[in-house]
Amino acid sequence: MIGPAAAVRAVVALGAARADWTVLVDGRSGAGKSTLAHALVDRTGAALVRLDDCYPGWDGLLAGAEAVTSDLLVPRRTGRPGGWRRWDWAAGEPAERHVVPPSGGLVVEGSGLLSRRSAPLADLALWLELDAGERRRRALARDGAAYEPHWDRWAAQEAERIAAERPRRLADLVVDGEHVQALPSGRTARIAYRGRP
């Protein structure tokens, strides 16, 4: 397991070595995925896709992760533009589609993202690890009352996906999420829309 600063250095080195690259950031809710992803984007200038913007509702972890793999990662890996459809959390329905060019750096982050299908489509795959109590505290501090009634059902979807795909084993790097919040981040990532309320 490595610290978050070492993970940032690894992605910066990847970006320096290649013009076109994709990094996947996975971990359970509250582990620090978004914070790490923003730090990676701030340091590399990569584009960012957040699965929070793609999940089709509170029961959509698998559907969101699979859609991003099929519609964004597969085309991008073959040199074609990929895309993703934003989920309108307030309306409870799909919204506009976003196109992502096949060139440049891309960071994709979200729970359930790393699978046997998605891992080979990435140049680097990161798994964030953090104990359950701290993850819950962080997630509820971040999203509060909007998330609390959904915590258990979201956690069950994460557990099911982890059992099926074993993302920690698929990761190139396992990152200790404990100190992720200490990473400097200007939050300048190119995000089209903020996802869940």
Protein backbone atom coordinates (compact mmCIF):
# COMPACT_ATOMS: atom_id res chain seq x y z
CA MET A 1 0.00 0.00 0.00
CA ILE A 2 1.27 3.44 -0.88
CA GLY A 3 0.40 6.92 0.32
CA PRO A 4 -1.67 9.33 -1.76
CA ALA A 5 1.33 11.57 -2.56
CA ALA A 6 3.12 8.56 -4.11
CA ALA A 7 0.00 7.83 -6.18
CA VAL A 8 0.00 11.41 -7.45
CA ARG A 9 3.68 11.11 -8.38
CA ALA A 10 2.96 7.88 -10.30
CA VAL A 11 0.21 9.53 -12.33
CA VAL A 12 2.32 12.64 -12.97
CA ALA A 13 5.08 10.34 -14.28
CA LEU A 14 2.56 8.54 -16.50
CA GLY A 15 1.38 11.87 -17.89
CA ALA A 16 4.96 12.93 -18.56
CA ALA A 17 5.69 9.70 -20.43
CA ARG A 18 2.57 9.58 -22.60
CA ALA A 19 0.37 12.12 -24.33
CA ASP A 20 -2.74 9.92 -24.13
CA TRP A 21 -3.55 8.00 -20.96
CA THR A 22 -6.40 6.85 -18.74
CA VAL A 23 -6.35 6.39 -14.96
CA LEU A 24 -9.15 4.67 -13.04
CA VAL A 25 -9.70 5.51 -9.36
CA ASP A 26 -11.93 3.17 -7.35
CA GLY A 27 -12.70 2.52 -3.71
CA ARG A 28 -15.70 2.43 -1.43
CA SER A 29 -17.73 5.51 -0.62
CA GLY A 30 -15.83 8.00 1.52
CA ALA A 31 -12.39 6.47 0.82
CA GLY A 32 -11.12 9.65 -0.86
CA LYS A 33 -11.60 8.91 -4.57
CA SER A 34 -12.89 12.36 -5.51
CA THR A 35 -10.23 14.14 -3.50
CA LEU A 36 -7.45 12.07 -5.05
CA ALA A 37 -8.95 12.46 -8.54
CA HIS A 38 -9.04 16.25 -8.18
CA ALA A 39 -5.41 16.27 -7.03
CA LEU A 40 -4.45 14.15 -10.06
CA VAL A 41 -6.27 16.48 -12.44
CA ASP A 42 -4.78 19.58 -10.80
CA ARG A 43 -1.27 18.17 -11.24
CA THR A 44 -1.69 16.81 -14.79
CA GLY A 45 -4.36 18.91 -16.50
CA ALA A 46 -6.29 15.74 -17.36
CA ALA A 47 -10.04 15.68 -17.93
CA LEU A 48 -12.19 14.15 -15.18
CA VAL A 49 -15.26 11.94 -15.34
CA ARG A 50 -16.99 11.22 -12.02
CA LEU A 51 -19.28 8.23 -11.80
CA ASP A 52 -21.40 10.23 -9.32
CA ASP A 53 -22.54 12.09 -12.43
CA CYS A 54 -23.34 8.84 -14.27
CA TYR A 55 -24.98 6.47 -11.77
CA PRO A 56 -28.69 6.14 -12.65
CA GLY A 57 -29.94 6.74 -9.11
CA TRP A 58 -29.19 5.18 -5.75
CA ASP A 59 -29.55 1.65 -7.07
CA GLY A 60 -27.36 2.24 -10.13
CA LEU A 61 -23.79 1.45 -9.08
CA LEU A 62 -23.40 -1.49 -11.47
CA ALA A 63 -25.30 0.17 -14.33
CA GLY A 64 -23.23 3.36 -14.06
CA ALA A 65 -19.90 1.55 -13.92
CA GLU A 66 -20.78 -0.71 -16.84
CA ALA A 67 -22.08 2.19 -18.96
CA VAL A 68 -18.87 4.17 -18.47
CA THR A 69 -16.81 1.11 -19.36
CA SER A 70 -18.80 0.42 -22.55
CA ASP A 71 -19.48 3.97 -23.69
CA LEU A 72 -16.29 5.76 -22.61
CA LEU A 73 -13.40 3.42 -21.87
CA VAL A 74 -13.81 0.91 -24.71
CA PRO A 75 -14.06 3.49 -27.52
CA ARG A 76 -11.27 5.60 -26.03
CA ARG A 77 -8.94 2.61 -25.84
CA THR A 78 -9.51 1.95 -29.55
CA GLY A 79 -8.76 5.57 -30.51
CA ARG A 80 -12.35 6.73 -30.88
CA PRO A 81 -14.22 9.38 -28.91
CA GLY A 82 -16.14 7.98 -25.97
CA GLY A 83 -18.88 9.47 -23.89
CA TRP A 84 -21.08 9.33 -20.86
CA ARG A 85 -24.62 10.39 -20.03
CA ARG A 86 -25.22 12.58 -17.00
CA TRP A 87 -27.86 11.46 -14.54
CA ASP A 88 -30.10 14.27 -13.32
CA TRP A 89 -30.42 13.41 -9.65
CA ALA A 90 -33.09 16.05 -9.01
CA ALA A 91 -35.33 14.90 -11.88
CA GLY A 92 -34.45 11.21 -11.48
CA GLU A 93 -33.79 10.73 -15.18
CA PRO A 94 -31.01 10.69 -17.78
CA ALA A 95 -29.79 14.07 -18.99
CA GLU A 96 -27.34 15.25 -21.65
CA ARG A 97 -24.56 13.19 -23.16
CA HIS A 98 -20.91 14.29 -22.94
CA VAL A 99 -18.27 13.33 -25.50
CA VAL A 100 -14.67 12.70 -24.43
CA PRO A 101 -11.94 12.77 -27.09
CA PRO A 102 -9.61 9.78 -27.39
CA SER A 103 -6.57 11.99 -26.83
CA GLY A 104 -5.08 13.55 -23.72
CA GLY A 105 -5.12 12.48 -20.11
CA LEU A 106 -8.29 11.21 -18.47
CA VAL A 107 -9.06 10.40 -14.84
CA VAL A 108 -12.23 8.43 -14.18
CA GLU A 109 -13.30 7.94 -10.58
CA GLY A 110 -16.12 6.16 -8.85
CA SER A 111 -17.22 3.21 -6.75
CA GLY A 112 -17.57 0.01 -8.72
CA LEU A 113 -15.46 1.24 -11.62
CA LEU A 114 -12.58 -1.22 -11.46
CA SER A 115 -13.52 -4.60 -12.94
CA ARG A 116 -12.00 -7.38 -14.99
CA ARG A 117 -13.46 -5.62 -18.02
CA SER A 118 -12.35 -2.05 -17.23
CA ALA A 119 -8.87 -2.70 -15.79
CA PRO A 120 -7.25 -3.63 -19.15
CA LEU A 121 -8.65 -0.40 -20.64
CA ALA A 122 -6.64 1.75 -18.21
CA ASP A 123 -3.00 2.72 -18.20
CA LEU A 124 -3.07 2.81 -14.40
CA ALA A 125 -5.72 1.57 -11.95
CA LEU A 126 -5.85 2.77 -8.35
CA TRP A 127 -7.80 1.29 -5.43
CA LEU A 128 -8.28 3.42 -2.30
CA GLU A 129 -8.44 1.64 1.02
CA LEU A 130 -9.86 3.11 4.25
CA ASP A 131 -11.61 1.62 7.28
CA ALA A 132 -15.40 1.57 7.24
CA GLY A 133 -15.95 3.91 10.19
CA GLU A 134 -13.84 6.70 8.73
CA ARG A 135 -15.34 6.24 5.28
CA ARG A 136 -18.85 6.62 6.66
CA ARG A 137 -17.88 9.66 8.71
CA ARG A 138 -16.34 11.36 5.66
CA ALA A 139 -19.21 10.50 3.31
CA LEU A 140 -21.88 11.76 5.67
CA ALA A 141 -19.88 14.89 6.48
CA ARG A 142 -19.62 15.54 2.74
CA ASP A 143 -23.18 14.69 1.65
CA GLY A 144 -25.08 14.76 4.95
CA ALA A 145 -28.79 14.15 5.05
CA ALA A 146 -28.98 13.52 1.29
CA TYR A 147 -26.82 10.39 1.61
CA GLU A 148 -27.56 9.00 5.06
CA PRO A 149 -30.82 7.19 4.17
CA HIS A 150 -29.07 5.53 1.21
CA TRP A 151 -25.80 4.51 2.91
CA ASP A 152 -26.72 0.87 3.57
CA ARG A 153 -28.15 0.14 0.13
CA TRP A 154 -25.18 1.81 -1.59
CA ALA A 155 -22.74 -0.10 0.64
CA ALA A 156 -24.51 -3.36 -0.28
CA GLN A 157 -24.02 -2.64 -3.99
CA GLU A 158 -20.34 -1.87 -3.36
CA ALA A 159 -19.92 -5.13 -1.42
CA GLU A 160 -21.59 -7.12 -4.20
CA ARG A 161 -19.38 -5.54 -6.86
CA ILE A 162 -16.23 -6.10 -4.77
CA ALA A 163 -17.12 -9.77 -4.24
CA ALA A 164 -17.72 -10.26 -7.96
CA GLU A 165 -14.74 -8.30 -9.34
CA ARG A 166 -12.11 -8.16 -6.56
CA PRO A 167 -10.95 -4.67 -7.57
CA ARG A 168 -8.15 -4.48 -5.00
CA ARG A 169 -6.43 -7.36 -6.81
CA LEU A 170 -6.99 -5.68 -10.19
CA ALA A 171 -5.42 -2.40 -9.08
CA ASP A 172 -1.91 -1.48 -10.13
CA LEU A 173 -1.57 0.55 -6.94
CA VAL A 174 -3.42 0.28 -3.63
CA VAL A 175 -3.57 3.69 -1.97
CA ASP A 176 -3.99 4.38 1.74
CA GLY A 177 -6.97 6.75 1.90
CA GLU A 178 -6.19 7.98 5.41
CA HIS A 179 -4.20 11.06 4.33
CA VAL A 180 -5.88 11.78 0.98
CA GLN A 181 -7.56 14.88 2.40
CA ALA A 182 -4.13 16.41 3.06
CA LEU A 183 -3.35 16.50 -0.67
CA PRO A 184 -3.24 19.99 -2.15
CA SER A 185 -6.06 20.47 -4.59
CA GLY A 186 -7.26 23.62 -6.25
CA ARG A 187 -10.40 21.81 -7.46
CA THR A 188 -9.84 23.11 -10.96
CA ALA A 189 -10.94 19.88 -12.63
CA ARG A 190 -12.93 20.14 -15.82
CA ILE A 191 -16.25 18.72 -14.65
CA ALA A 192 -19.37 19.38 -16.65
CA TYR A 193 -21.76 18.90 -13.75
CA ARG A 194 -21.75 18.11 -10.06
CA GLY A 195 -23.56 14.83 -9.50
CA ARG A 196 -25.51 13.67 -6.49
CA PRO A 197 -27.08 16.25 -4.21
